[in-house]
């Protein structure tokens, strides 16, 4: 027993090196920019942009901030349509989910077009589903790193779910950006849901209580995850270094952005790294099929710019449609379907990544 304890104490809890291409998803350098390092790169970029904008004369500085927010909004909307190659070009994925990928979109789009209340509720649902979806993206990347390190895909899965929720959702609940997520609730008055429409005022009036509850829940979730990780490490588990870097960068940036930055910076930072990670994983896994659909040879580098341009056009259309509720139905449908599709078209347990 003493020998086992000594061996455990001497063994590093971190497995691997960050420069190991075999343990990375797209390669060590690729992952440093587009996966585990993306939160840090996004935070640095937005901070430098905002700092430079603050040094400009007022009109120019405000214009620079508006350009940043608008560009990242377009990128965020653009990544929603990037799920199409995964869902519809990948024959295995499509055949396994044919009904969900054909019947549900038609029914959802019809409901959003026909019913204004459903459209309003769908738009609000998209805001909060996006929070869960973003946390689950980090969860998914972490599980891929576990898989590439040879770990059991079921090991610590529920713990990672709790941990990623705490790292991402906790700072939102405790930070300055919480009210921003409820900004659209005023529209509920148009469909006679006045009680729910008053939610922003209730939240603002109880901000101290919510802050205390959020911090307590965050600490509790962190302790829960730490205890279970410690228990598994005593049984031989070692956390892959890329997974550790991903959790550290995402958690640190999430706390800094949602907890302390102005809301526009928080949304810019988080949406930027989320979209970059998503485009990266789609291209790595589905780039070959995208080239086939574009009828391009494998070596042709034009496929990626064309793909990004097509997604960007959709993002611009989504951005423009926000000013016209009558045109929002297909875009709200795309948001909801993107979040839903991602819950079943990627699976580490089924080795579909």
Protein backbone atom coordinates (compact mmCIF):
# COMPACT_ATOMS: atom_id res chain seq x y z
CA UNK A 1 0.00 0.00 0.00
CA UNK A 2 2.81 2.39 0.94
CA UNK A 3 4.61 1.59 -2.33
CA UNK A 4 1.47 2.28 -4.37
CA UNK A 5 0.96 5.59 -2.59
CA UNK A 6 4.58 6.55 -3.24
CA UNK A 7 4.27 5.64 -6.92
CA UNK A 8 1.14 7.78 -7.18
CA UNK A 9 2.84 10.72 -5.49
CA UNK A 10 5.83 10.49 -7.88
CA UNK A 11 3.74 10.17 -11.03
CA UNK A 12 2.75 13.40 -12.78
CA UNK A 13 -1.02 13.86 -13.08
CA UNK A 14 -0.48 15.32 -16.57
CA UNK A 15 0.09 12.97 -19.50
CA UNK A 16 2.04 13.95 -22.61
CA UNK A 17 3.57 17.09 -24.08
CA UNK A 18 1.87 19.95 -25.91
CA UNK A 19 4.21 19.56 -28.87
CA UNK A 20 3.12 15.95 -29.45
CA UNK A 21 1.37 15.88 -32.83
CA UNK A 22 -0.03 12.38 -32.22
CA UNK A 23 -2.00 13.53 -29.15
CA UNK A 24 -3.28 16.71 -30.83
CA UNK A 25 -6.41 16.88 -32.99
CA UNK A 26 -5.00 18.76 -35.96
CA UNK A 27 -1.35 18.87 -34.97
CA UNK A 28 0.45 20.53 -32.06
CA UNK A 29 0.75 23.96 -33.68
CA UNK A 30 -2.74 23.81 -35.18
CA UNK A 31 -4.31 23.02 -31.81
CA UNK A 32 -2.37 25.83 -30.13
CA UNK A 33 -4.19 28.35 -32.35
CA UNK A 34 -7.51 26.70 -33.17
CA UNK A 35 -8.43 24.42 -30.26
CA UNK A 36 -6.94 24.55 -26.76
CA UNK A 37 -5.24 27.90 -27.42
CA UNK A 38 -8.17 29.54 -29.22
CA UNK A 39 -9.66 31.14 -26.05
CA UNK A 40 -6.34 32.81 -25.25
CA UNK A 41 -5.79 33.97 -28.84
CA UNK A 42 -9.34 35.37 -29.03
CA UNK A 43 -9.02 37.17 -25.70
CA UNK A 44 -5.70 38.72 -26.71
CA UNK A 45 -7.04 39.80 -30.11
CA UNK A 46 -10.19 41.42 -28.71
CA UNK A 47 -8.29 43.10 -25.88
CA UNK A 48 -5.69 44.55 -28.27
CA UNK A 49 -8.41 45.75 -30.64
CA UNK A 50 -10.41 47.37 -27.84
CA UNK A 51 -7.25 48.97 -26.41
CA UNK A 52 -6.30 50.40 -29.80
CA UNK A 53 -9.88 51.64 -30.32
CA UNK A 54 -9.85 53.42 -26.97
CA UNK A 55 -6.75 55.36 -28.05
CA UNK A 56 -8.48 56.70 -31.18
CA UNK A 57 -10.60 59.87 -31.31
CA UNK A 58 -14.17 59.21 -30.17
CA UNK A 59 -15.93 58.72 -33.57
CA UNK A 60 -13.13 56.54 -34.94
CA UNK A 61 -12.88 54.54 -31.72
CA UNK A 62 -16.61 53.86 -31.62
CA UNK A 63 -16.48 52.85 -35.27
CA UNK A 64 -13.65 50.41 -34.57
CA UNK A 65 -15.62 48.79 -31.74
CA UNK A 66 -18.73 48.59 -33.94
CA UNK A 67 -16.64 46.95 -36.68
CA UNK A 68 -15.27 44.39 -34.22
CA UNK A 69 -18.68 43.52 -32.79
CA UNK A 70 -20.28 43.35 -36.24
CA UNK A 71 -17.54 41.19 -37.74
CA UNK A 72 -17.64 38.69 -34.88
CA UNK A 73 -21.45 38.64 -35.03
CA UNK A 74 -21.26 37.73 -38.73
CA UNK A 75 -18.65 35.05 -37.96
CA UNK A 76 -20.86 33.68 -35.19
CA UNK A 77 -23.88 33.48 -37.46
CA UNK A 78 -21.72 32.01 -40.23
CA UNK A 79 -20.59 29.06 -38.11
CA UNK A 80 -24.20 27.99 -37.61
CA UNK A 81 -24.49 26.84 -41.21
CA UNK A 82 -21.11 25.06 -41.05
CA UNK A 83 -22.83 21.99 -39.59
CA UNK A 84 -24.35 21.23 -43.02
CA UNK A 85 -21.33 19.30 -44.40
CA UNK A 86 -21.27 17.15 -41.28
CA UNK A 87 -25.01 16.50 -41.19
CA UNK A 88 -25.80 16.17 -44.90
CA UNK A 89 -22.56 15.39 -46.79
CA UNK A 90 -21.39 12.64 -44.44
CA UNK A 91 -23.34 9.60 -45.64
CA UNK A 92 -22.92 7.62 -42.40
CA UNK A 93 -24.20 10.49 -40.27
CA UNK A 94 -27.08 11.27 -42.61
CA UNK A 95 -28.25 7.66 -42.94
CA UNK A 96 -28.17 7.22 -39.16
CA UNK A 97 -30.31 10.33 -38.59
CA UNK A 98 -32.34 10.61 -41.80
CA UNK A 99 -35.69 11.48 -40.22
CA UNK A 100 -34.27 13.98 -37.76
CA UNK A 101 -32.34 15.69 -40.57
CA UNK A 102 -35.27 15.91 -43.00
CA UNK A 103 -38.65 15.95 -41.26
CA UNK A 104 -37.80 18.06 -38.20
CA UNK A 105 -36.33 21.03 -40.14
CA UNK A 106 -39.47 21.26 -42.27
CA UNK A 107 -41.80 21.14 -39.27
CA UNK A 108 -39.73 23.66 -37.30
CA UNK A 109 -39.50 26.11 -40.18
CA UNK A 110 -43.24 25.88 -40.80
CA UNK A 111 -44.01 26.52 -37.13
CA UNK A 112 -41.71 29.56 -37.01
CA UNK A 113 -43.25 31.02 -40.17
CA UNK A 114 -46.86 30.41 -39.15
CA UNK A 115 -46.75 31.39 -35.47
CA UNK A 116 -45.24 34.72 -34.29
CA UNK A 117 -45.29 33.53 -30.63
CA UNK A 118 -43.29 30.42 -31.56
CA UNK A 119 -40.81 32.63 -33.44
CA UNK A 120 -40.31 34.85 -30.39
CA UNK A 121 -39.94 31.89 -28.04
CA UNK A 122 -37.59 30.18 -30.48
CA UNK A 123 -35.34 33.23 -30.66
CA UNK A 124 -35.16 33.41 -26.87
CA UNK A 125 -34.54 29.68 -26.58
CA UNK A 126 -31.62 30.05 -29.01
CA UNK A 127 -29.90 32.51 -26.65
CA UNK A 128 -29.89 30.11 -23.72
CA UNK A 129 -29.36 26.95 -25.76
CA UNK A 130 -26.26 28.65 -27.17
CA UNK A 131 -24.84 28.84 -23.63
CA UNK A 132 -25.24 25.09 -23.13
CA UNK A 133 -24.04 24.40 -26.67
CA UNK A 134 -20.84 26.39 -26.12
CA UNK A 135 -20.07 24.51 -22.91
CA UNK A 136 -20.66 21.22 -24.69
CA UNK A 137 -18.25 22.13 -27.48
CA UNK A 138 -15.43 22.40 -24.96
CA UNK A 139 -16.66 19.15 -23.39
CA UNK A 140 -16.50 17.44 -26.79
CA UNK A 141 -12.99 18.64 -27.55
CA UNK A 142 -11.85 17.50 -24.10
CA UNK A 143 -13.28 14.04 -24.75
CA UNK A 144 -11.46 13.86 -28.09
CA UNK A 145 -8.20 14.55 -26.29
CA UNK A 146 -9.02 11.75 -23.86
CA UNK A 147 -9.74 9.41 -26.76
CA UNK A 148 -6.48 10.27 -28.52
CA UNK A 149 -4.60 9.60 -25.28
CA UNK A 150 -6.12 6.10 -25.19
CA UNK A 151 -8.48 6.72 -22.27
CA UNK A 152 -11.88 5.06 -21.94
CA UNK A 153 -14.47 7.43 -23.55
CA UNK A 154 -16.86 6.73 -20.67
CA UNK A 155 -14.33 7.50 -17.93
CA UNK A 156 -15.06 10.81 -16.13
CA UNK A 157 -17.65 11.67 -18.78
CA UNK A 158 -20.30 12.93 -16.35
CA UNK A 159 -17.64 14.69 -14.32
CA UNK A 160 -16.49 16.52 -17.44
CA UNK A 161 -20.08 17.52 -18.19
CA UNK A 162 -20.40 19.14 -14.77
CA UNK A 163 -16.94 20.69 -14.99
CA UNK A 164 -17.51 22.28 -18.39
CA UNK A 165 -20.86 23.64 -17.32
CA UNK A 166 -19.22 25.17 -14.26
CA UNK A 167 -16.35 26.67 -16.27
CA UNK A 168 -18.64 28.28 -18.83
CA UNK A 169 -22.08 28.84 -17.30
CA UNK A 170 -20.94 29.74 -13.78
CA UNK A 171 -19.13 32.95 -14.77
CA UNK A 172 -22.15 34.06 -16.82
CA UNK A 173 -24.46 33.69 -13.82
CA UNK A 174 -22.03 35.51 -11.55
CA UNK A 175 -20.86 38.20 -13.95
CA UNK A 176 -21.83 41.47 -15.57
CA UNK A 177 -23.14 39.79 -18.72
CA UNK A 178 -26.03 37.90 -17.12
CA UNK A 179 -28.60 40.61 -17.82
CA UNK A 180 -27.49 40.78 -21.46
CA UNK A 181 -28.76 37.23 -21.95
CA UNK A 182 -32.24 38.38 -20.90
CA UNK A 183 -32.30 41.48 -23.09
CA UNK A 184 -34.84 39.99 -25.50
CA UNK A 185 -37.41 39.16 -22.82
CA UNK A 186 -39.27 42.42 -23.47
CA UNK A 187 -40.66 40.85 -26.66
CA UNK A 188 -42.66 38.43 -24.49
CA UNK A 189 -45.11 41.24 -23.71
CA UNK A 190 -46.29 41.07 -27.30
CA UNK A 191 -47.52 37.51 -26.71
CA UNK A 192 -49.07 38.17 -23.29
CA UNK A 193 -46.26 36.67 -21.22
CA UNK A 194 -45.81 39.73 -19.03
CA UNK A 195 -44.61 37.74 -16.01
CA UNK A 196 -41.68 36.27 -17.92
CA UNK A 197 -41.02 39.63 -19.56
CA UNK A 198 -40.32 41.03 -16.09
CA UNK A 199 -37.45 38.58 -15.55
CA UNK A 200 -34.66 41.14 -16.21
CA UNK A 201 -35.99 43.40 -13.45
CA UNK A 202 -36.28 40.49 -11.04
CA UNK A 203 -32.72 39.41 -11.81
CA UNK A 204 -31.38 42.93 -11.38
CA UNK A 205 -33.21 43.30 -8.07
CA UNK A 206 -31.76 40.05 -6.75
CA UNK A 207 -28.29 40.33 -8.23
CA UNK A 208 -26.58 39.86 -4.86
CA UNK A 209 -28.45 36.64 -4.13
CA UNK A 210 -27.82 35.31 -7.64
CA UNK A 211 -24.12 36.16 -7.37
CA UNK A 212 -23.80 34.29 -4.08
CA UNK A 213 -25.69 31.26 -5.41
CA UNK A 214 -23.64 31.19 -8.62
CA UNK A 215 -20.31 31.38 -6.79
CA UNK A 216 -21.39 28.68 -4.33
CA UNK A 217 -22.54 26.40 -7.14
CA UNK A 218 -19.32 27.04 -9.06
CA UNK A 219 -17.15 26.18 -6.04
CA UNK A 220 -19.26 23.09 -5.33
CA UNK A 221 -18.98 21.86 -8.92
CA UNK A 222 -15.25 22.48 -8.90
CA UNK A 223 -14.75 20.53 -5.69
CA UNK A 224 -16.96 17.71 -7.00
CA UNK A 225 -14.87 17.44 -10.17
CA UNK A 226 -11.57 17.68 -8.27
CA UNK A 227 -12.54 14.85 -5.90
CA UNK A 228 -13.61 12.55 -8.74
CA UNK A 229 -10.52 13.35 -10.79
CA UNK A 230 -8.33 12.64 -7.76
CA UNK A 231 -10.09 9.34 -7.24
CA UNK A 232 -9.56 8.30 -10.87
CA UNK A 233 -5.93 9.40 -10.80
CA UNK A 234 -5.33 7.07 -7.87
CA UNK A 235 -6.61 4.32 -10.19
CA UNK A 236 -4.10 5.25 -12.88
CA UNK A 237 -5.86 7.97 -14.88
CA UNK A 238 -3.68 10.83 -16.11
CA UNK A 239 -5.22 13.90 -17.70
CA UNK A 240 -3.97 14.47 -21.28
CA UNK A 241 -1.91 17.66 -21.43
CA UNK A 242 -3.97 19.06 -24.32
CA UNK A 243 -7.17 18.50 -22.36
CA UNK A 244 -5.68 20.18 -19.30
CA UNK A 245 -4.61 23.15 -21.45
CA UNK A 246 -8.08 23.37 -23.01
CA UNK A 247 -9.87 23.36 -19.65
CA UNK A 248 -7.43 25.87 -18.16
CA UNK A 249 -7.61 28.30 -21.08
CA UNK A 250 -11.39 28.04 -21.46
CA UNK A 251 -12.01 28.37 -17.73
CA UNK A 252 -9.62 31.26 -17.29
CA UNK A 253 -10.90 33.19 -20.28
CA UNK A 254 -14.52 32.46 -19.38
CA UNK A 255 -14.06 33.80 -15.86
CA UNK A 256 -12.19 36.89 -17.08
CA UNK A 257 -14.62 37.64 -19.90
CA UNK A 258 -18.03 36.86 -18.40
CA UNK A 259 -17.05 37.83 -14.89
CA UNK A 260 -15.16 41.09 -15.36
CA UNK A 261 -15.15 42.38 -18.95
CA UNK A 262 -17.81 44.67 -20.43
CA UNK A 263 -20.58 42.60 -22.06
CA UNK A 264 -19.58 43.53 -25.62
CA UNK A 265 -16.04 42.26 -25.00
CA UNK A 266 -17.26 39.11 -23.30
CA UNK A 267 -19.55 38.20 -26.18
CA UNK A 268 -16.85 39.07 -28.72
CA UNK A 269 -14.17 36.93 -27.05
CA UNK A 270 -16.32 33.89 -26.39
CA UNK A 271 -18.13 33.89 -29.74
CA UNK A 272 -14.84 34.36 -31.59
CA UNK A 273 -13.06 31.36 -30.09
CA UNK A 274 -16.19 29.22 -30.25
CA UNK A 275 -16.64 29.88 -33.98
CA UNK A 276 -12.94 29.38 -34.72
CA UNK A 277 -12.93 26.02 -32.92
CA UNK A 278 -16.06 24.94 -34.78
CA UNK A 279 -14.80 25.85 -38.24
CA UNK A 280 -11.54 24.07 -37.43
CA UNK A 281 -13.17 20.78 -36.38
CA UNK A 282 -15.58 20.83 -39.33
CA UNK A 283 -12.77 21.38 -41.80
CA UNK A 284 -10.54 18.69 -40.27
CA UNK A 285 -13.31 16.09 -40.31
CA UNK A 286 -15.34 17.09 -43.37
CA UNK A 287 -12.89 19.03 -45.56
CA UNK A 288 -12.52 16.11 -47.96
CA UNK A 289 -16.27 15.85 -48.50
CA UNK A 290 -16.53 19.62 -48.98
CA UNK A 291 -13.90 19.38 -51.73
CA UNK A 292 -15.90 16.56 -53.34
CA UNK A 293 -19.09 18.62 -53.33
CA UNK A 294 -17.21 21.55 -54.84
CA UNK A 295 -15.70 19.11 -57.38
CA UNK A 296 -12.16 20.08 -56.48
CA UNK A 297 -9.05 17.91 -56.43
CA UNK A 298 -7.68 17.07 -52.94
CA UNK A 299 -4.68 19.35 -53.41
CA UNK A 300 -6.67 22.43 -54.38
CA UNK A 301 -6.50 25.01 -51.62
CA UNK A 302 -9.45 27.02 -52.92
CA UNK A 303 -11.99 24.74 -51.19
CA UNK A 304 -11.50 26.24 -47.72
CA UNK A 305 -11.87 29.89 -48.87
CA UNK A 306 -14.97 28.95 -50.86
CA UNK A 307 -16.48 27.14 -47.89
CA UNK A 308 -15.76 30.04 -45.54
CA UNK A 309 -17.13 32.53 -48.07
CA UNK A 310 -20.39 30.62 -48.43
CA UNK A 311 -20.76 30.47 -44.65
CA UNK A 312 -19.90 34.18 -44.48
CA UNK A 313 -22.64 35.07 -46.94
CA UNK A 314 -25.11 33.27 -44.71
CA UNK A 315 -23.69 35.10 -41.68
CA UNK A 316 -24.16 38.47 -43.41
CA UNK A 317 -27.74 37.58 -44.32
CA UNK A 318 -28.48 36.54 -40.73
CA UNK A 319 -26.94 39.79 -39.45
CA UNK A 320 -29.05 41.87 -41.83
CA UNK A 321 -32.26 39.95 -41.10
CA UNK A 322 -32.17 40.91 -37.42
CA UNK A 323 -33.74 44.24 -38.34
CA UNK A 324 -36.71 42.55 -39.99
CA UNK A 325 -38.65 40.07 -37.84
CA UNK A 326 -40.60 38.79 -40.83
CA UNK A 327 -37.38 37.38 -42.31
CA UNK A 328 -36.04 35.82 -39.13
CA UNK A 329 -37.78 32.43 -39.23
CA UNK A 330 -35.21 30.55 -41.37
CA UNK A 331 -32.33 31.98 -39.37
CA UNK A 332 -33.82 31.17 -35.98
CA UNK A 333 -34.51 27.68 -37.34
CA UNK A 334 -30.88 27.40 -38.38
CA UNK A 335 -29.71 28.39 -34.88
CA UNK A 336 -31.92 25.84 -33.16
CA UNK A 337 -31.10 23.10 -35.64
CA UNK A 338 -27.37 23.78 -35.32
CA UNK A 339 -27.52 23.36 -31.55
CA UNK A 340 -29.66 20.24 -31.85
CA UNK A 341 -27.69 18.63 -34.68
CA UNK A 342 -24.45 19.03 -32.77
CA UNK A 343 -25.89 16.91 -29.97
CA UNK A 344 -26.01 13.83 -32.21
CA UNK A 345 -23.83 14.28 -35.34
CA UNK A 346 -20.62 14.21 -33.26
CA UNK A 347 -19.92 11.40 -30.82
CA UNK A 348 -16.66 10.42 -29.17
CA UNK A 349 -18.26 7.29 -27.72
CA UNK A 350 -19.23 6.15 -31.24
CA UNK A 351 -15.81 7.20 -32.58
CA UNK A 352 -17.45 9.60 -35.04
CA UNK A 353 -14.82 12.29 -34.55
